[in-house]
Amino acid sequence: MTSKSRKQITSDILMIRPCRFFSNPETAKSNKFQGKSLIDGDELQRAAIDEFDQLVEKLRQADLNIMQFDDTPEPSTPDSVFPNNWISMHSDGTVILYPMEAINRRTERRSDIIKSLIDEYDFSVNRTIDLTHHESEGRYLEGTGSMILDHINRIAYACISSRTNERVLSDFSKQMNYTVVSFAASDSSGSSIYHTNVIMSLGENIAVLCEDTIKDNSERENILSSLESSNHEIVCITLEQMHSFSGNVLEVISNRGEKLMLMSSSAERALTDSQYKTISKYCRIVSSPIDNIEASAGGSVRCMMAEIFLPKH
């Protein structure tokens, strides 16, 4: 498959409607963004459902194809609303299953969903790459949370953390023929950033990056040079904006061919006028409030979407 036939953005999105949503204690150690909700229990579950449904409605109004599946009551999977951590689906018909750090997240991987995408939605899967065997050795790579993928140029950007292991990155790169650009990233307290997609996003012609998290000058310059050489205009966000999830955004394309940048309302509010103007040169911003999902689980709109690049039958 040539670079011209590969796509960076899609109109097909997989989303999982949460069933038993709560702040996952098994992920709290590595995710400094979570556990900040002022509500819990049934109230939090109702709020998460309302926020999810409102977001899906806005995305469908924007003429995107949302393949929505319901989470199952058992086993308990409090982070099921974030499917991009366990699966990625590629334009050559490849599906990749990823190893995840938290034991109670591993049951989010569901073969019935993949089967439904094939049988009900007419997508074609030619091969499956299963990287989950790395879990037995304590090595993890949480999908497009851990990696920001430049599909056109076959580059995987990844900040190393307990959830993003270099050996699994190497395994991915060899099987998918991607070049890995890895680096260290930390917040103002020195804690490692748990997922690359809270500090970085990559569309067709625009990239969002919190370069203040990358302390090593050579690593930072390497990333900036790579983005510039692939003709991406870079929107640099601050650490404060990162904590408002302004880096956890996703460019997509509607069925009408309109390019959109999806984000939460908190992410949009944190943007400066200049940043908003730059993004709007390339995309129309579509946002929705998911304050309770963000505060409780420490993930935002981009985490809630697994892009489907699979060909149709």
Protein backbone atom coordinates (compact mmCIF):
# COMPACT_ATOMS: atom_id res chain seq x y z
CA MET A 1 0.00 0.00 0.00
CA THR A 2 1.49 3.33 -1.06
CA SER A 3 1.49 6.47 1.06
CA LYS A 4 -1.04 8.02 -1.33
CA SER A 5 -3.54 5.23 -0.62
CA ARG A 6 -3.13 5.49 3.17
CA LYS A 7 -5.32 7.88 5.15
CA GLN A 8 -4.52 9.94 8.21
CA ILE A 9 -8.11 10.74 9.14
CA THR A 10 -11.38 8.83 8.92
CA SER A 11 -15.13 9.25 9.29
CA ASP A 12 -15.59 5.82 10.93
CA ILE A 13 -15.30 5.70 14.72
CA LEU A 14 -15.75 2.90 17.27
CA MET A 15 -17.16 3.98 20.65
CA ILE A 16 -18.22 2.01 23.74
CA ARG A 17 -21.14 3.20 25.88
CA PRO A 18 -20.12 2.70 29.54
CA CYS A 19 -22.07 0.40 31.80
CA ARG A 20 -20.21 0.49 35.14
CA PHE A 21 -18.16 3.67 34.97
CA PHE A 22 -16.00 4.73 37.91
CA SER A 23 -12.47 5.93 38.64
CA ASN A 24 -10.35 2.80 38.19
CA PRO A 25 -8.08 2.21 41.23
CA GLU A 26 -5.82 -0.05 39.14
CA THR A 27 -4.84 2.82 36.83
CA ALA A 28 -4.55 5.61 39.40
CA LYS A 29 -0.84 5.17 40.14
CA SER A 30 0.29 5.99 36.59
CA ASN A 31 -2.53 8.37 35.60
CA LYS A 32 -2.20 11.68 37.44
CA PHE A 33 -5.20 13.11 35.54
CA GLN A 34 -7.82 10.84 37.14
CA GLY A 35 -9.66 10.64 40.45
CA LYS A 36 -10.74 14.28 40.61
CA SER A 37 -14.49 13.86 40.30
CA LEU A 38 -16.74 15.34 42.97
CA ILE A 39 -19.38 12.65 42.47
CA ASP A 40 -19.33 8.84 42.41
CA GLY A 41 -21.52 5.76 42.41
CA ASP A 42 -24.81 5.82 40.53
CA GLU A 43 -24.65 9.59 40.14
CA LEU A 44 -21.32 9.33 38.32
CA GLN A 45 -22.59 6.51 36.11
CA ARG A 46 -25.63 8.56 35.09
CA ALA A 47 -23.46 11.60 34.40
CA ALA A 48 -21.04 9.54 32.27
CA ILE A 49 -23.91 8.11 30.22
CA ASP A 50 -25.38 11.57 29.66
CA GLU A 51 -22.00 12.97 28.58
CA PHE A 52 -21.34 10.00 26.31
CA ASP A 53 -24.77 10.19 24.64
CA GLN A 54 -24.48 13.95 24.10
CA LEU A 55 -21.06 13.53 22.50
CA VAL A 56 -22.27 10.76 20.19
CA GLU A 57 -25.25 12.86 19.12
CA LYS A 58 -22.97 15.80 18.25
CA LEU A 59 -20.67 13.53 16.25
CA ARG A 60 -23.56 12.06 14.29
CA GLN A 61 -24.92 15.55 13.64
CA ALA A 62 -21.48 16.36 12.22
CA ASP A 63 -22.01 13.47 9.74
CA LEU A 64 -19.57 10.96 11.23
CA ASN A 65 -20.20 7.22 11.29
CA ILE A 66 -20.28 6.11 14.92
CA MET A 67 -20.18 2.36 15.49
CA GLN A 68 -21.51 2.29 19.05
CA PHE A 69 -21.43 -0.80 21.25
CA ASP A 70 -22.69 -1.21 24.81
CA ASP A 71 -20.31 -2.27 27.54
CA THR A 72 -21.31 -5.45 29.37
CA PRO A 73 -22.16 -5.49 33.10
CA GLU A 74 -19.72 -8.32 33.74
CA PRO A 75 -16.82 -8.41 33.96
CA SER A 76 -16.46 -4.94 35.47
CA THR A 77 -14.56 -2.68 33.07
CA PRO A 78 -14.68 0.90 34.42
CA ASP A 79 -12.52 2.25 31.56
CA SER A 80 -14.36 0.56 28.69
CA VAL A 81 -15.29 4.02 27.36
CA PHE A 82 -11.67 4.27 26.11
CA PRO A 83 -11.43 1.56 23.38
CA ASN A 84 -8.47 3.13 21.59
CA ASN A 85 -6.20 1.54 24.21
CA TRP A 86 -6.95 -2.06 23.23
CA ILE A 87 -7.45 -1.95 19.46
CA SER A 88 -6.29 -0.18 16.32
CA MET A 89 -7.69 -0.86 12.84
CA HIS A 90 -5.66 -0.11 9.73
CA SER A 91 -6.31 0.56 6.05
CA ASP A 92 -4.56 -2.66 4.92
CA GLY A 93 -7.13 -4.70 6.86
CA THR A 94 -4.95 -5.23 9.93
CA VAL A 95 -6.40 -5.27 13.44
CA ILE A 96 -3.95 -4.96 16.34
CA LEU A 97 -4.73 -6.00 19.91
CA TYR A 98 -2.62 -4.34 22.60
CA PRO A 99 -1.22 -5.31 26.01
CA MET A 100 -2.58 -3.16 28.85
CA GLU A 101 -1.12 -2.48 32.28
CA ALA A 102 -4.22 -2.73 34.47
CA ILE A 103 -5.50 -6.30 34.82
CA ASN A 104 -9.12 -5.18 34.94
CA ARG A 105 -8.72 -3.38 31.60
CA ARG A 106 -7.68 -6.49 29.67
CA THR A 107 -11.24 -7.82 29.50
CA GLU A 108 -12.19 -4.70 27.51
CA ARG A 109 -10.80 -6.55 24.46
CA ARG A 110 -13.85 -8.10 22.80
CA SER A 111 -13.81 -10.40 19.81
CA ASP A 112 -17.58 -9.96 19.44
CA ILE A 113 -17.06 -6.30 18.58
CA ILE A 114 -14.57 -7.16 15.84
CA LYS A 115 -16.98 -9.80 14.54
CA SER A 116 -19.82 -7.26 14.45
CA LEU A 117 -17.67 -4.77 12.54
CA ILE A 118 -17.15 -7.48 9.91
CA ASP A 119 -20.63 -9.03 9.84
CA GLU A 120 -22.88 -6.03 10.51
CA TYR A 121 -20.85 -3.09 9.24
CA ASP A 122 -19.14 -4.82 6.30
CA PHE A 123 -15.55 -4.02 7.26
CA SER A 124 -12.80 -6.34 6.06
CA VAL A 125 -10.13 -7.79 8.36
CA ASN A 126 -7.24 -9.52 6.62
CA ARG A 127 -5.00 -10.22 9.60
CA THR A 128 -4.84 -9.77 13.34
CA ILE A 129 -1.64 -8.89 15.19
CA ASP A 130 -1.93 -9.91 18.83
CA LEU A 131 0.62 -8.17 21.04
CA THR A 132 -1.08 -9.15 24.30
CA HIS A 133 1.47 -11.90 25.08
CA HIS A 134 3.75 -9.11 26.32
CA GLU A 135 1.48 -8.75 29.35
CA SER A 136 2.92 -11.94 30.85
CA GLU A 137 6.34 -10.25 30.88
CA GLY A 138 5.09 -6.95 32.32
CA ARG A 139 5.42 -5.03 29.05
CA TYR A 140 2.62 -2.82 27.76
CA LEU A 141 1.62 -0.69 24.78
CA GLU A 142 -1.82 0.85 25.07
CA GLY A 143 -2.75 1.42 21.46
CA THR A 144 -3.23 4.95 20.21
CA GLY A 145 -3.03 6.14 23.78
CA SER A 146 0.61 5.10 23.84
CA MET A 147 1.32 6.00 20.21
CA ILE A 148 0.46 8.90 17.95
CA LEU A 149 0.51 7.39 14.48
CA ASP A 150 1.46 9.19 11.29
CA HIS A 151 -0.15 6.70 8.93
CA ILE A 152 1.02 8.47 5.78
CA ASN A 153 4.72 8.54 6.67
CA ARG A 154 4.61 5.48 8.93
CA ILE A 155 5.94 7.17 12.04
CA ALA A 156 4.90 6.26 15.60
CA TYR A 157 5.49 8.97 18.21
CA ALA A 158 5.58 7.61 21.77
CA CYS A 159 6.51 8.90 25.20
CA ILE A 160 7.93 6.07 27.30
CA SER A 161 6.06 5.24 30.52
CA SER A 162 4.96 2.22 32.52
CA ARG A 163 2.23 1.81 29.89
CA THR A 164 4.47 2.30 26.84
CA ASN A 165 7.33 -0.17 26.63
CA GLU A 166 10.16 0.18 24.10
CA ARG A 167 10.32 -3.56 23.39
CA VAL A 168 6.63 -3.69 22.47
CA LEU A 169 7.10 -0.54 20.39
CA SER A 170 9.85 -2.37 18.50
CA ASP A 171 7.55 -5.35 17.98
CA PHE A 172 4.85 -3.04 16.61
CA SER A 173 7.28 -1.19 14.34
CA LYS A 174 8.68 -4.37 12.81
CA GLN A 175 5.27 -5.89 12.11
CA MET A 176 3.74 -2.66 10.77
CA ASN A 177 6.87 -1.12 9.19
CA TYR A 178 6.73 2.08 11.23
CA THR A 179 9.65 4.19 12.40
CA VAL A 180 9.45 4.91 16.14
CA VAL A 181 10.20 8.36 17.54
CA SER A 182 10.31 7.76 21.29
CA PHE A 183 11.00 10.25 24.05
CA ALA A 184 10.55 10.97 27.75
CA ALA A 185 7.76 13.30 28.87
CA SER A 186 6.85 14.50 32.35
CA ASP A 187 4.57 17.00 34.03
CA SER A 188 5.59 19.93 36.23
CA SER A 189 6.01 17.62 39.26
CA GLY A 190 8.34 15.31 37.33
CA SER A 191 5.82 12.47 36.99
CA SER A 192 5.90 10.60 33.71
CA ILE A 193 3.07 11.34 31.29
CA TYR A 194 1.04 8.13 31.19
CA HIS A 195 -0.14 8.36 27.55
CA THR A 196 1.28 10.19 24.56
CA ASN A 197 -2.17 11.24 23.40
CA VAL A 198 -2.64 13.68 26.28
CA ILE A 199 0.31 15.75 25.04
CA MET A 200 0.12 15.23 21.29
CA SER A 201 -2.26 14.90 18.36
CA LEU A 202 -1.58 14.53 14.65
CA GLY A 203 -3.91 15.32 11.78
CA GLU A 204 -3.34 15.71 8.06
CA ASN A 205 -1.63 19.09 8.17
CA ILE A 206 -1.73 20.12 11.81
CA ALA A 207 -0.15 18.78 15.00
CA VAL A 208 -0.81 19.66 18.62
CA LEU A 209 2.09 19.26 21.04
CA CYS A 210 2.87 20.14 24.65
CA GLU A 211 6.60 20.48 24.12
CA ASP A 212 7.10 21.70 27.71
CA THR A 213 6.69 18.08 28.84
CA ILE A 214 9.77 17.02 26.84
CA LYS A 215 12.74 18.09 28.92
CA ASP A 216 15.54 16.68 26.73
CA ASN A 217 16.47 19.27 24.11
CA SER A 218 17.59 16.76 21.50
CA GLU A 219 14.43 14.69 21.86
CA ARG A 220 12.27 17.79 21.62
CA GLU A 221 14.11 19.06 18.55
CA ASN A 222 13.87 15.62 16.94
CA ILE A 223 10.08 15.60 17.32
CA LEU A 224 9.67 19.16 16.08
CA SER A 225 11.94 18.45 13.10
CA SER A 226 10.01 15.30 12.24
CA LEU A 227 6.67 17.13 12.38
CA GLU A 228 7.98 20.02 10.30
CA SER A 229 9.48 17.70 7.69
CA SER A 230 6.09 16.00 7.30
CA ASN A 231 4.56 19.46 6.66
CA HIS A 232 2.55 19.74 9.86
CA GLU A 233 1.84 23.14 11.36
CA ILE A 234 2.44 22.80 15.09
CA VAL A 235 0.12 24.22 17.73
CA CYS A 236 2.12 24.30 20.96
CA ILE A 237 0.04 24.02 24.13
CA THR A 238 1.08 24.76 27.71
CA LEU A 239 1.16 22.37 30.67
CA GLU A 240 -1.99 24.03 31.98
CA GLN A 241 -3.75 23.48 28.67
CA MET A 242 -2.58 19.86 28.67
CA HIS A 243 -4.30 19.37 32.02
CA SER A 244 -7.47 20.74 30.41
CA PHE A 245 -7.03 17.99 27.75
CA SER A 246 -6.28 20.39 24.89
CA GLY A 247 -3.80 17.81 23.60
CA ASN A 248 -6.30 14.95 23.71
CA VAL A 249 -7.99 15.89 20.44
CA LEU A 250 -8.63 14.10 17.17
CA GLU A 251 -8.93 15.24 13.57
CA VAL A 252 -11.52 13.36 11.52
CA ILE A 253 -13.36 13.90 8.24
CA SER A 254 -17.13 13.87 7.81
CA ASN A 255 -19.00 12.02 5.09
CA ARG A 256 -19.39 15.41 3.40
CA GLY A 257 -15.61 15.84 3.34
CA GLU A 258 -15.50 18.44 6.11
CA LYS A 259 -12.44 18.20 8.35
CA LEU A 260 -13.24 18.38 12.04
CA MET A 261 -11.20 18.62 15.23
CA LEU A 262 -12.95 16.78 18.04
CA MET A 263 -12.34 17.76 21.65
CA SER A 264 -14.02 18.31 24.99
CA SER A 265 -15.55 21.60 26.02
CA SER A 266 -12.82 22.04 28.65
CA ALA A 267 -10.16 21.54 25.97
CA GLU A 268 -11.79 24.12 23.72
CA ARG A 269 -12.19 26.66 26.53
CA ALA A 270 -8.47 26.42 27.30
CA LEU A 271 -7.38 27.35 23.78
CA THR A 272 -6.10 30.86 23.11
CA ASP A 273 -7.60 32.92 20.31
CA SER A 274 -4.43 32.37 18.28
CA GLN A 275 -4.54 28.59 18.73
CA TYR A 276 -8.23 28.50 17.87
CA LYS A 277 -7.54 30.50 14.71
CA THR A 278 -4.71 28.17 13.65
CA ILE A 279 -6.79 25.02 14.17
CA SER A 280 -9.71 26.61 12.33
CA LYS A 281 -7.55 27.08 9.23
CA TYR A 282 -7.62 23.31 8.84
CA CYS A 283 -10.68 22.04 10.73
CA ARG A 284 -13.96 23.02 12.30
CA ILE A 285 -13.84 22.43 16.04
CA VAL A 286 -16.58 20.19 17.44
CA SER A 287 -16.68 19.97 21.23
CA SER A 288 -18.88 18.49 23.92
CA PRO A 289 -18.83 18.64 27.73
CA ILE A 290 -17.47 15.49 29.37
CA ASP A 291 -16.31 17.01 32.64
CA ASN A 292 -17.20 14.01 34.80
CA ILE A 293 -15.56 11.48 32.47
CA GLU A 294 -12.40 13.59 32.37
CA ALA A 295 -12.22 14.22 36.11
CA SER A 296 -12.99 10.66 37.14
CA ALA A 297 -11.12 8.58 34.55
CA GLY A 298 -8.40 10.99 33.44
CA GLY A 299 -9.08 10.69 29.73
CA SER A 300 -10.90 12.85 27.22
CA VAL A 301 -12.57 12.82 23.81
CA ARG A 302 -9.70 11.38 21.81
CA CYS A 303 -9.39 8.46 24.26
CA MET A 304 -13.06 7.64 23.69
CA MET A 305 -12.58 6.97 19.98
CA ALA A 306 -10.94 4.10 18.17
CA GLU A 307 -10.57 5.10 14.52
CA ILE A 308 -11.61 2.55 11.91
CA PHE A 309 -9.46 2.65 8.79
CA LEU A 310 -10.44 -0.87 7.68
CA PRO A 311 -11.50 -1.35 4.05
CA LYS A 312 -15.05 -2.35 3.25
CA HIS A 313 -15.93 -5.71 1.69
